[in-house]
Amino acid sequence: MDEERPSRERIPDPTRIELPGLTLAPTALPSALARALAFTAVLVAGLCGGLVGWAIADLQCVGECGTISTVGAVIGTVVAAGGVAIISVLVLRAMSEWNEQASLRERQR
């Protein structure tokens, strides 16, 4: 049952391995400013949606409406922020595709 063990000669020394030169691949990420603006738009939409949801629930309720208004605000926040988040992702993807196509057009010139 004597298994053959690999010799030390076959295993490269990790301190002597040469790595290829680092090259930076082009990124598809939109700029930091575009991402920050998209994030801000989602926050503002959530705030506005929450205010609208609270107002609609408060207007339709008679008497003690704290819980119902809060539920309306939460639903309004989620719906508005979710909708704007979807649109923001689509816009950021379109921007990155547009920039990629523009760089390809410049290379062809």
PDB file of N, CA and C in Angstrom:
ATOM      1  N   MET A   1       0.815  -1.178   0.000  1.00  0.00           N
ATOM      2  CA  MET A   1       0.000   0.000   0.000  1.00  0.00           C
ATOM      3  C   MET A   1       0.868   1.254   0.000  1.00  0.00           C
ATOM      4  N   ASP A   2       1.977   1.192  -0.569  1.00  0.00           N
ATOM      5  CA  ASP A   2       2.875   2.326  -0.622  1.00  0.00           C
ATOM      6  C   ASP A   2       2.513   3.165  -1.842  1.00  0.00           C
ATOM      7  N   GLU A   3       1.810   4.277  -1.603  1.00  0.00           N
ATOM      8  CA  GLU A   3       1.400   5.129  -2.713  1.00  0.00           C
ATOM      9  C   GLU A   3       2.564   5.995  -3.152  1.00  0.00           C
ATOM     10  N   GLU A   4       2.601   6.247  -4.424  1.00  0.00           N
ATOM     11  CA  GLU A   4       3.677   7.072  -4.959  1.00  0.00           C
ATOM     12  C   GLU A   4       3.409   8.527  -4.615  1.00  0.00           C
ATOM     13  N   ARG A   5       4.298   9.175  -3.957  1.00  0.00           N
ATOM     14  CA  ARG A   5       4.150  10.574  -3.578  1.00  0.00           C
ATOM     15  C   ARG A   5       4.843  11.431  -4.626  1.00  0.00           C
ATOM     16  N   PRO A   6       4.271  12.573  -4.944  1.00  0.00           N
ATOM     17  CA  PRO A   6       4.931  13.440  -5.929  1.00  0.00           C
ATOM     18  C   PRO A   6       6.237  13.978  -5.356  1.00  0.00           C
ATOM     19  N   SER A   7       7.204  14.031  -6.202  1.00  0.00           N
ATOM     20  CA  SER A   7       8.488  14.557  -5.750  1.00  0.00           C
ATOM     21  C   SER A   7       8.433  16.080  -5.695  1.00  0.00           C
ATOM     22  N   ARG A   8       9.333  16.656  -4.957  1.00  0.00           N
ATOM     23  CA  ARG A   8       9.363  18.105  -4.810  1.00  0.00           C
ATOM     24  C   ARG A   8       9.741  18.785  -6.116  1.00  0.00           C
ATOM     25  N   GLU A   9      10.367  18.089  -6.994  1.00  0.00           N
ATOM     26  CA  GLU A   9      10.787  18.683  -8.248  1.00  0.00           C
ATOM     27  C   GLU A   9       9.598  18.992  -9.155  1.00  0.00           C
ATOM     28  N   ARG A  10       8.533  18.229  -9.031  1.00  0.00           N
ATOM     29  CA  ARG A  10       7.370  18.448  -9.886  1.00  0.00           C
ATOM     30  C   ARG A  10       6.500  19.607  -9.397  1.00  0.00           C
ATOM     31  N   ILE A  11       6.566  19.907  -8.142  1.00  0.00           N
ATOM     32  CA  ILE A  11       5.749  20.987  -7.583  1.00  0.00           C
ATOM     33  C   ILE A  11       6.544  22.279  -7.671  1.00  0.00           C
ATOM     34  N   PRO A  12       6.010  23.283  -8.393  1.00  0.00           N
ATOM     35  CA  PRO A  12       6.769  24.543  -8.516  1.00  0.00           C
ATOM     36  C   PRO A  12       6.777  25.314  -7.206  1.00  0.00           C
ATOM     37  N   ASP A  13       7.851  25.982  -6.993  1.00  0.00           N
ATOM     38  CA  ASP A  13       7.987  26.815  -5.809  1.00  0.00           C
ATOM     39  C   ASP A  13       7.160  28.082  -6.010  1.00  0.00           C
ATOM     40  N   PRO A  14       6.195  28.355  -5.128  1.00  0.00           N
ATOM     41  CA  PRO A  14       5.323  29.528  -5.340  1.00  0.00           C
ATOM     42  C   PRO A  14       6.063  30.858  -5.301  1.00  0.00           C
ATOM     43  N   THR A  15       7.211  30.897  -4.673  1.00  0.00           N
ATOM     44  CA  THR A  15       7.953  32.161  -4.634  1.00  0.00           C
ATOM     45  C   THR A  15       8.706  32.424  -5.929  1.00  0.00           C
ATOM     46  N   ARG A  16       8.822  31.416  -6.779  1.00  0.00           N
ATOM     47  CA  ARG A  16       9.565  31.578  -8.019  1.00  0.00           C
ATOM     48  C   ARG A  16       8.673  31.634  -9.257  1.00  0.00           C
ATOM     49  N   ILE A  17       7.379  31.570  -9.079  1.00  0.00           N
ATOM     50  CA  ILE A  17       6.463  31.622 -10.215  1.00  0.00           C
ATOM     51  C   ILE A  17       6.366  33.063 -10.694  1.00  0.00           C
ATOM     52  N   GLU A  18       6.558  33.262 -11.971  1.00  0.00           N
ATOM     53  CA  GLU A  18       6.453  34.603 -12.544  1.00  0.00           C
ATOM     54  C   GLU A  18       5.052  34.795 -13.099  1.00  0.00           C
ATOM     55  N   LEU A  19       4.414  35.829 -12.653  1.00  0.00           N
ATOM     56  CA  LEU A  19       3.077  36.148 -13.125  1.00  0.00           C
ATOM     57  C   LEU A  19       3.172  37.029 -14.354  1.00  0.00           C
ATOM     58  N   PRO A  20       2.231  36.853 -15.289  1.00  0.00           N
ATOM     59  CA  PRO A  20       2.257  37.737 -16.455  1.00  0.00           C
ATOM     60  C   PRO A  20       1.975  39.171 -16.028  1.00  0.00           C
ATOM     61  N   GLY A  21       2.379  40.105 -16.855  1.00  0.00           N
ATOM     62  CA  GLY A  21       2.155  41.513 -16.551  1.00  0.00           C
ATOM     63  C   GLY A  21       0.669  41.809 -16.393  1.00  0.00           C
ATOM     64  N   LEU A  22       0.372  42.663 -15.466  1.00  0.00           N
ATOM     65  CA  LEU A  22      -1.022  43.006 -15.227  1.00  0.00           C
ATOM     66  C   LEU A  22      -1.549  43.868 -16.367  1.00  0.00           C
ATOM     67  N   THR A  23      -2.653  43.460 -16.910  1.00  0.00           N
ATOM     68  CA  THR A  23      -3.317  44.247 -17.942  1.00  0.00           C
ATOM     69  C   THR A  23      -4.715  44.560 -17.454  1.00  0.00           C
ATOM     70  N   LEU A  24      -5.143  45.746 -17.684  1.00  0.00           N
ATOM     71  CA  LEU A  24      -6.469  46.158 -17.260  1.00  0.00           C
ATOM     72  C   LEU A  24      -7.452  45.924 -18.392  1.00  0.00           C
ATOM     73  N   ALA A  25      -8.471  45.157 -18.085  1.00  0.00           N
ATOM     74  CA  ALA A  25      -9.517  44.906 -19.069  1.00  0.00           C
ATOM     75  C   ALA A  25     -10.499  46.071 -19.033  1.00  0.00           C
ATOM     76  N   PRO A  26     -11.081  46.397 -20.161  1.00  0.00           N
ATOM     77  CA  PRO A  26     -12.075  47.473 -20.144  1.00  0.00           C
ATOM     78  C   PRO A  26     -13.277  47.056 -19.303  1.00  0.00           C
ATOM     79  N   THR A  27     -13.774  47.975 -18.554  1.00  0.00           N
ATOM     80  CA  THR A  27     -14.900  47.682 -17.679  1.00  0.00           C
ATOM     81  C   THR A  27     -16.204  48.137 -18.310  1.00  0.00           C
ATOM     82  N   ALA A  28     -17.264  47.418 -17.971  1.00  0.00           N
ATOM     83  CA  ALA A  28     -18.584  47.785 -18.474  1.00  0.00           C
ATOM     84  C   ALA A  28     -19.354  48.617 -17.451  1.00  0.00           C
ATOM     85  N   LEU A  29     -18.707  48.928 -16.348  1.00  0.00           N
ATOM     86  CA  LEU A  29     -19.382  49.710 -15.316  1.00  0.00           C
ATOM     87  C   LEU A  29     -19.585  51.152 -15.772  1.00  0.00           C
ATOM     88  N   PRO A  30     -20.758  51.702 -15.479  1.00  0.00           N
ATOM     89  CA  PRO A  30     -20.934  53.125 -15.735  1.00  0.00           C
ATOM     90  C   PRO A  30     -20.083  53.930 -14.754  1.00  0.00           C
ATOM     91  N   SER A  31     -19.976  55.205 -15.006  1.00  0.00           N
ATOM     92  CA  SER A  31     -19.153  56.046 -14.139  1.00  0.00           C
ATOM     93  C   SER A  31     -19.721  56.092 -12.724  1.00  0.00           C
ATOM     94  N   ALA A  32     -18.875  56.466 -11.795  1.00  0.00           N
ATOM     95  CA  ALA A  32     -19.306  56.558 -10.395  1.00  0.00           C
ATOM     96  C   ALA A  32     -20.385  57.627 -10.236  1.00  0.00           C
ATOM     97  N   LEU A  33     -20.287  58.702 -11.008  1.00  0.00           N
ATOM     98  CA  LEU A  33     -21.293  59.756 -10.946  1.00  0.00           C
ATOM     99  C   LEU A  33     -22.651  59.234 -11.397  1.00  0.00           C
ATOM    100  N   ALA A  34     -22.669  58.459 -12.477  1.00  0.00           N
ATOM    101  CA  ALA A  34     -23.932  57.909 -12.977  1.00  0.00           C
ATOM    102  C   ALA A  34     -24.555  56.958 -11.957  1.00  0.00           C
ATOM    103  N   ARG A  35     -23.725  56.139 -11.329  1.00  0.00           N
ATOM    104  CA  ARG A  35     -24.255  55.220 -10.312  1.00  0.00           C
ATOM    105  C   ARG A  35     -24.765  55.974  -9.093  1.00  0.00           C
ATOM    106  N   ALA A  36     -24.060  57.030  -8.695  1.00  0.00           N
ATOM    107  CA  ALA A  36     -24.506  57.828  -7.545  1.00  0.00           C
ATOM    108  C   ALA A  36     -25.821  58.534  -7.855  1.00  0.00           C
ATOM    109  N   LEU A  37     -25.949  59.051  -9.075  1.00  0.00           N
ATOM    110  CA  LEU A  37     -27.214  59.697  -9.458  1.00  0.00           C
ATOM    111  C   LEU A  37     -28.365  58.700  -9.495  1.00  0.00           C
ATOM    112  N   ALA A  38     -28.110  57.487  -9.972  1.00  0.00           N
ATOM    113  CA  ALA A  38     -29.149  56.460  -9.992  1.00  0.00           C
ATOM    114  C   ALA A  38     -29.568  56.088  -8.574  1.00  0.00           C
ATOM    115  N   PHE A  39     -28.600  55.954  -7.690  1.00  0.00           N
ATOM    116  CA  PHE A  39     -28.909  55.640  -6.293  1.00  0.00           C
ATOM    117  C   PHE A  39     -29.719  56.755  -5.644  1.00  0.00           C
ATOM    118  N   THR A  40     -29.335  57.987  -5.904  1.00  0.00           N
ATOM    119  CA  THR A  40     -30.073  59.137  -5.368  1.00  0.00           C
ATOM    120  C   THR A  40     -31.491  59.172  -5.918  1.00  0.00           C
ATOM    121  N   ALA A  41     -31.647  58.850  -7.188  1.00  0.00           N
ATOM    122  CA  ALA A  41     -32.991  58.832  -7.783  1.00  0.00           C
ATOM    123  C   ALA A  41     -33.866  57.790  -7.116  1.00  0.00           C
ATOM    124  N   VAL A  42     -33.305  56.629  -6.781  1.00  0.00           N
ATOM    125  CA  VAL A  42     -34.079  55.586  -6.093  1.00  0.00           C
ATOM    126  C   VAL A  42     -34.491  56.066  -4.705  1.00  0.00           C
ATOM    127  N   LEU A  43     -33.583  56.732  -3.999  1.00  0.00           N
ATOM    128  CA  LEU A  43     -33.923  57.237  -2.667  1.00  0.00           C
ATOM    129  C   LEU A  43     -35.017  58.308  -2.721  1.00  0.00           C
ATOM    130  N   VAL A  44     -34.890  59.226  -3.661  1.00  0.00           N
ATOM    131  CA  VAL A  44     -35.893  60.296  -3.790  1.00  0.00           C
ATOM    132  C   VAL A  44     -37.240  59.707  -4.187  1.00  0.00           C
ATOM    133  N   ALA A  45     -37.235  58.743  -5.099  1.00  0.00           N
ATOM    134  CA  ALA A  45     -38.490  58.115  -5.508  1.00  0.00           C
ATOM    135  C   ALA A  45     -39.128  57.368  -4.345  1.00  0.00           C
ATOM    136  N   GLY A  46     -38.314  56.705  -3.539  1.00  0.00           N
ATOM    137  CA  GLY A  46     -38.854  56.023  -2.361  1.00  0.00           C
ATOM    138  C   GLY A  46     -39.485  56.992  -1.382  1.00  0.00           C
ATOM    139  N   LEU A  47     -38.835  58.119  -1.170  1.00  0.00           N
ATOM    140  CA  LEU A  47     -39.387  59.143  -0.278  1.00  0.00           C
ATOM    141  C   LEU A  47     -40.709  59.685  -0.818  1.00  0.00           C
ATOM    142  N   CYS A  48     -40.714  60.018  -2.099  1.00  0.00           N
ATOM    143  CA  CYS A  48     -41.938  60.555  -2.705  1.00  0.00           C
ATOM    144  C   CYS A  48     -43.061  59.522  -2.705  1.00  0.00           C
ATOM    145  N   GLY A  49     -42.716  58.273  -3.023  1.00  0.00           N
ATOM    146  CA  GLY A  49     -43.722  57.214  -3.012  1.00  0.00           C
ATOM    147  C   GLY A  49     -44.288  56.990  -1.623  1.00  0.00           C
ATOM    148  N   GLY A  50     -43.420  57.070  -0.617  1.00  0.00           N
ATOM    149  CA  GLY A  50     -43.892  56.927   0.756  1.00  0.00           C
ATOM    150  C   GLY A  50     -44.833  58.051   1.156  1.00  0.00           C
ATOM    151  N   LEU A  51     -44.508  59.273   0.748  1.00  0.00           N
ATOM    152  CA  LEU A  51     -45.391  60.404   1.061  1.00  0.00           C
ATOM    153  C   LEU A  51     -46.739  60.277   0.360  1.00  0.00           C
ATOM    154  N   VAL A  52     -46.708  59.851  -0.897  1.00  0.00           N
ATOM    155  CA  VAL A  52     -47.963  59.677  -1.643  1.00  0.00           C
ATOM    156  C   VAL A  52     -48.788  58.549  -1.033  1.00  0.00           C
ATOM    157  N   GLY A  53     -48.134  57.422  -0.709  1.00  0.00           N
ATOM    158  CA  GLY A  53     -48.858  56.305  -0.092  1.00  0.00           C
ATOM    159  C   GLY A  53     -49.456  56.687   1.243  1.00  0.00           C
ATOM    160  N   TRP A  54     -48.700  57.430   2.042  1.00  0.00           N
ATOM    161  CA  TRP A  54     -49.229  57.882   3.338  1.00  0.00           C
ATOM    162  C   TRP A  54     -50.419  58.809   3.139  1.00  0.00           C
ATOM    163  N   ALA A  55     -50.304  59.755   2.198  1.00  0.00           N
ATOM    164  CA  ALA A  55     -51.384  60.718   1.976  1.00  0.00           C
ATOM    165  C   ALA A  55     -52.653  60.035   1.481  1.00  0.00           C
ATOM    166  N   ILE A  56     -52.513  59.085   0.557  1.00  0.00           N
ATOM    167  CA  ILE A  56     -53.699  58.390   0.035  1.00  0.00           C
ATOM    168  C   ILE A  56     -54.365  57.586   1.138  1.00  0.00           C
ATOM    169  N   ALA A  57     -53.587  56.871   1.928  1.00  0.00           N
ATOM    170  CA  ALA A  57     -54.170  56.084   3.019  1.00  0.00           C
ATOM    171  C   ALA A  57     -54.783  56.988   4.076  1.00  0.00           C
ATOM    172  N   ASP A  58     -54.167  58.121   4.357  1.00  0.00           N
ATOM    173  CA  ASP A  58     -54.684  59.046   5.370  1.00  0.00           C
ATOM    174  C   ASP A  58     -55.976  59.714   4.915  1.00  0.00           C
ATOM    175  N   LEU A  59     -56.055  60.023   3.620  1.00  0.00           N
ATOM    176  CA  LEU A  59     -57.265  60.668   3.107  1.00  0.00           C
ATOM    177  C   LEU A  59     -58.476  59.740   3.105  1.00  0.00           C
ATOM    178  N   GLN A  60     -58.244  58.452   2.918  1.00  0.00           N
ATOM    179  CA  GLN A  60     -59.361  57.520   2.816  1.00  0.00           C
ATOM    180  C   GLN A  60     -59.764  56.924   4.147  1.00  0.00           C
ATOM    181  N   CYS A  61     -59.041  57.232   5.187  1.00  0.00           N
ATOM    182  CA  CYS A  61     -59.306  56.647   6.490  1.00  0.00           C
ATOM    183  C   CYS A  61     -60.014  57.665   7.386  1.00  0.00           C
ATOM    184  N   VAL A  62     -60.943  57.178   8.209  1.00  0.00           N
ATOM    185  CA  VAL A  62     -61.647  58.029   9.161  1.00  0.00           C
ATOM    186  C   VAL A  62     -61.316  57.523  10.564  1.00  0.00           C
ATOM    187  N   GLY A  63     -60.970  58.435  11.447  1.00  0.00           N
ATOM    188  CA  GLY A  63     -60.644  58.048  12.809  1.00  0.00           C
ATOM    189  C   GLY A  63     -59.147  57.835  12.987  1.00  0.00           C
ATOM    190  N   GLU A  64     -58.797  56.838  13.821  1.00  0.00           N
ATOM    191  CA  GLU A  64     -57.393  56.523  14.095  1.00  0.00           C
ATOM    192  C   GLU A  64     -56.795  55.771  12.910  1.00  0.00           C
ATOM    193  N   CYS A  65     -55.857  56.417  12.228  1.00  0.00           N
ATOM    194  CA  CYS A  65     -55.331  55.859  10.973  1.00  0.00           C
ATOM    195  C   CYS A  65     -53.829  55.662  10.985  1.00  0.00           C
ATOM    196  N   GLY A  66     -53.215  55.581  12.135  1.00  0.00           N
ATOM    197  CA  GLY A  66     -51.760  55.478  12.200  1.00  0.00           C
ATOM    198  C   GLY A  66     -51.216  54.245  11.500  1.00  0.00           C
ATOM    199  N   THR A  67     -51.801  53.088  11.783  1.00  0.00           N
ATOM    200  CA  THR A  67     -51.308  51.848  11.197  1.00  0.00           C
ATOM    201  C   THR A  67     -51.579  51.798   9.704  1.00  0.00           C
ATOM    202  N   ILE A  68     -52.767  52.194   9.290  1.00  0.00           N
ATOM    203  CA  ILE A  68     -53.127  52.143   7.876  1.00  0.00           C
ATOM    204  C   ILE A  68     -52.279  53.128   7.083  1.00  0.00           C
ATOM    205  N   SER A  69     -52.048  54.301   7.625  1.00  0.00           N
ATOM    206  CA  SER A  69     -51.198  55.277   6.936  1.00  0.00           C
ATOM    207  C   SER A  69     -49.766  54.772   6.816  1.00  0.00           C
ATOM    208  N   THR A  70     -49.271  54.118   7.843  1.00  0.00           N
ATOM    209  CA  THR A  70     -47.925  53.567   7.799  1.00  0.00           C
ATOM    210  C   THR A  70     -47.813  52.469   6.750  1.00  0.00           C
ATOM    211  N   VAL A  71     -48.815  51.601   6.693  1.00  0.00           N
ATOM    212  CA  VAL A  71     -48.823  50.543   5.676  1.00  0.00           C
ATOM    213  C   VAL A  71     -48.872  51.167   4.284  1.00  0.00           C
ATOM    214  N   GLY A  72     -49.683  52.198   4.098  1.00  0.00           N
ATOM    215  CA  GLY A  72     -49.734  52.891   2.808  1.00  0.00           C
ATOM    216  C   GLY A  72     -48.395  53.510   2.450  1.00  0.00           C
ATOM    217  N   ALA A  73     -47.716  54.078   3.444  1.00  0.00           N
ATOM    218  CA  ALA A  73     -46.408  54.690   3.198  1.00  0.00           C
ATOM    219  C   ALA A  73     -45.377  53.630   2.810  1.00  0.00           C
ATOM    220  N   VAL A  74     -45.399  52.503   3.481  1.00  0.00           N
ATOM    221  CA  VAL A  74     -44.442  51.434   3.175  1.00  0.00           C
ATOM    222  C   VAL A  74     -44.695  50.875   1.783  1.00  0.00           C
ATOM    223  N   ILE A  75     -45.941  50.637   1.451  1.00  0.00           N
ATOM    224  CA  ILE A  75     -46.268  50.118   0.122  1.00  0.00           C
ATOM    225  C   ILE A  75     -45.880  51.133  -0.954  1.00  0.00           C
ATOM    226  N   GLY A  76     -46.185  52.398  -0.735  1.00  0.00           N
ATOM    227  CA  GLY A  76     -45.806  53.436  -1.694  1.00  0.00           C
ATOM    228  C   GLY A  76     -44.300  53.530  -1.871  1.00  0.00           C
ATOM    229  N   THR A  77     -43.557  53.412  -0.764  1.00  0.00           N
ATOM    230  CA  THR A  77     -42.101  53.465  -0.825  1.00  0.00           C
ATOM    231  C   THR A  77     -41.539  52.309  -1.637  1.00  0.00           C
ATOM    232  N   VAL A  78     -42.006  51.104  -1.366  1.00  0.00           N
ATOM    233  CA  VAL A  78     -41.493  49.920  -2.054  1.00  0.00           C
ATOM    234  C   VAL A  78     -41.814  49.967  -3.542  1.00  0.00           C
ATOM    235  N   VAL A  79     -43.046  50.342  -3.878  1.00  0.00           N
ATOM    236  CA  VAL A  79     -43.448  50.368  -5.286  1.00  0.00           C
ATOM    237  C   VAL A  79     -42.672  51.441  -6.052  1.00  0.00           C
ATOM    238  N   ALA A  80     -42.581  52.634  -5.509  1.00  0.00           N
ATOM    239  CA  ALA A  80     -41.896  53.723  -6.207  1.00  0.00           C
ATOM    240  C   ALA A  80     -40.399  53.468  -6.320  1.00  0.00           C
ATOM    241  N   ALA A  81     -39.769  53.060  -5.218  1.00  0.00           N
ATOM    242  CA  ALA A  81     -38.327  52.803  -5.253  1.00  0.00           C
ATOM    243  C   ALA A  81     -38.013  51.611  -6.158  1.00  0.00           C
ATOM    244  N   GLY A  82     -38.838  50.588  -6.131  1.00  0.00           N
ATOM    245  CA  GLY A  82     -38.632  49.431  -6.994  1.00  0.00           C
ATOM    246  C   GLY A  82     -38.753  49.786  -8.465  1.00  0.00           C
ATOM    247  N   GLY A  83     -39.750  50.581  -8.796  1.00  0.00           N
ATOM    248  CA  GLY A  83     -39.926  50.993 -10.192  1.00  0.00           C
ATOM    249  C   GLY A  83     -38.774  51.835 -10.701  1.00  0.00           C
ATOM    250  N   VAL A  84     -38.336  52.785  -9.901  1.00  0.00           N
ATOM    251  CA  VAL A  84     -37.227  53.635 -10.316  1.00  0.00           C
ATOM    252  C   VAL A  84     -35.919  52.841 -10.344  1.00  0.00           C
ATOM    253  N   ALA A  85     -35.773  51.873  -9.461  1.00  0.00           N
ATOM    254  CA  ALA A  85     -34.572  51.034  -9.477  1.00  0.00           C
ATOM    255  C   ALA A  85     -34.493  50.229 -10.775  1.00  0.00           C
ATOM    256  N   ILE A  86     -35.611  49.695 -11.222  1.00  0.00           N
ATOM    257  CA  ILE A  86     -35.634  48.940 -12.478  1.00  0.00           C
ATOM    258  C   ILE A  86     -35.261  49.854 -13.640  1.00  0.00           C
ATOM    259  N   ILE A  87     -35.844  51.030 -13.682  1.00  0.00           N
ATOM    260  CA  ILE A  87     -35.540  51.974 -14.758  1.00  0.00           C
ATOM    261  C   ILE A  87     -34.077  52.403 -14.694  1.00  0.00           C
ATOM    262  N   SER A  88     -33.555  52.616 -13.483  1.00  0.00           N
ATOM    263  CA  SER A  88     -32.150  53.033 -13.333  1.00  0.00           C
ATOM    264  C   SER A  88     -31.196  51.959 -13.845  1.00  0.00           C
ATOM    265  N   VAL A  89     -31.484  50.704 -13.543  1.00  0.00           N
ATOM    266  CA  VAL A  89     -30.638  49.616 -14.029  1.00  0.00           C
ATOM    267  C   VAL A  89     -30.667  49.567 -15.552  1.00  0.00           C
ATOM    268  N   LEU A  90     -31.839  49.715 -16.129  1.00  0.00           N
ATOM    269  CA  LEU A  90     -31.943  49.699 -17.587  1.00  0.00           C
ATOM    270  C   LEU A  90     -31.187  50.873 -18.214  1.00  0.00           C
ATOM    271  N   VAL A  91     -31.288  52.037 -17.601  1.00  0.00           N
ATOM    272  CA  VAL A  91     -30.586  53.213 -18.124  1.00  0.00           C
ATOM    273  C   VAL A  91     -29.072  53.034 -18.012  1.00  0.00           C
ATOM    274  N   LEU A  92     -28.594  52.511 -16.882  1.00  0.00           N
ATOM    275  CA  LEU A  92     -27.156  52.308 -16.711  1.00  0.00           C
ATOM    276  C   LEU A  92     -26.620  51.271 -17.700  1.00  0.00           C
ATOM    277  N   ARG A  93     -27.393  50.226 -17.945  1.00  0.00           N
ATOM    278  CA  ARG A  93     -26.977  49.226 -18.939  1.00  0.00           C
ATOM    279  C   ARG A  93     -26.946  49.835 -20.339  1.00  0.00           C
ATOM    280  N   ALA A  94     -27.943  50.623 -20.650  1.00  0.00           N
ATOM    281  CA  ALA A  94     -27.967  51.264 -21.969  1.00  0.00           C
ATOM    282  C   ALA A  94     -26.786  52.216 -22.122  1.00  0.00           C
ATOM    283  N   MET A  95     -26.450  52.940 -21.055  1.00  0.00           N
ATOM    284  CA  MET A  95     -25.299  53.843 -21.113  1.00  0.00           C
ATOM    285  C   MET A  95     -24.011  53.078 -21.368  1.00  0.00           C
ATOM    286  N   SER A  96     -23.834  51.943 -20.692  1.00  0.00           N
ATOM    287  CA  SER A  96     -22.600  51.186 -20.883  1.00  0.00           C
ATOM    288  C   SER A  96     -22.535  50.600 -22.284  1.00  0.00           C
ATOM    289  N   GLU A  97     -23.662  50.141 -22.825  1.00  0.00           N
ATOM    290  CA  GLU A  97     -23.673  49.645 -24.201  1.00  0.00           C
ATOM    291  C   GLU A  97     -23.407  50.773 -25.190  1.00  0.00           C
ATOM    292  N   TRP A  98     -23.969  51.922 -24.927  1.00  0.00           N
ATOM    293  CA  TRP A  98     -23.758  53.066 -25.809  1.00  0.00           C
ATOM    294  C   TRP A  98     -22.287  53.465 -25.820  1.00  0.00           C
ATOM    295  N   ASN A  99     -21.687  53.519 -24.626  1.00  0.00           N
ATOM    296  CA  ASN A  99     -20.267  53.869 -24.541  1.00  0.00           C
ATOM    297  C   ASN A  99     -19.390  52.822 -25.225  1.00  0.00           C
ATOM    298  N   GLU A 100     -19.752  51.557 -25.112  1.00  0.00           N
ATOM    299  CA  GLU A 100     -18.999  50.501 -25.770  1.00  0.00           C
ATOM    300  C   GLU A 100     -19.084  50.645 -27.287  1.00  0.00           C
ATOM    301  N   GLN A 101     -20.275  50.923 -27.791  1.00  0.00           N
ATOM    302  CA  GLN A 101     -20.444  51.103 -29.231  1.00  0.00           C
ATOM    303  C   GLN A 101     -19.710  52.346 -29.710  1.00  0.00           C
ATOM    304  N   ALA A 102     -19.717  53.396 -28.921  1.00  0.00           N
ATOM    305  CA  ALA A 102     -19.010  54.623 -29.306  1.00  0.00           C
ATOM    306  C   ALA A 102     -17.509  54.374 -29.386  1.00  0.00           C
ATOM    307  N   SER A 103     -16.964  53.605 -28.460  1.00  0.00           N
ATOM    308  CA  SER A 103     -15.529  53.317 -28.513  1.00  0.00           C
ATOM    309  C   SER A 103     -15.195  52.432 -29.710  1.00  0.00           C
ATOM    310  N   LEU A 104     -16.088  51.522 -30.069  1.00  0.00           N
ATOM    311  CA  LEU A 104     -15.863  50.701 -31.263  1.00  0.00           C
ATOM    312  C   LEU A 104     -15.884  51.551 -32.524  1.00  0.00           C
ATOM    313  N   ARG A 105     -16.799  52.522 -32.564  1.00  0.00           N
ATOM    314  CA  ARG A 105     -16.872  53.413 -33.735  1.00  0.00           C
ATOM    315  C   ARG A 105     -15.619  54.258 -33.858  1.00  0.00           C
ATOM    316  N   GLU A 106     -15.077  54.711 -32.715  1.00  0.00           N
ATOM    317  CA  GLU A 106     -13.843  55.504 -32.750  1.00  0.00           C
ATOM    318  C   GLU A 106     -12.657  54.673 -33.212  1.00  0.00           C
ATOM    319  N   ARG A 107     -12.630  53.396 -32.829  1.00  0.00           N
ATOM    320  CA  ARG A 107     -11.529  52.531 -33.250  1.00  0.00           C
ATOM    321  C   ARG A 107     -11.570  52.265 -34.748  1.00  0.00           C
ATOM    322  N   GLN A 108     -12.764  52.241 -35.324  1.00  0.00           N
ATOM    323  CA  GLN A 108     -12.889  51.961 -36.749  1.00  0.00           C
ATOM    324  C   GLN A 108     -12.466  53.141 -37.616  1.00  0.00           C
ATOM    325  N   ARG A 109     -12.432  54.311 -37.053  1.00  0.00           N
ATOM    326  CA  ARG A 109     -12.079  55.527 -37.831  1.00  0.00           C
ATOM    327  C   ARG A 109     -10.654  55.534 -38.201  1.00  0.00           C
TER     328      ARG A 109
END
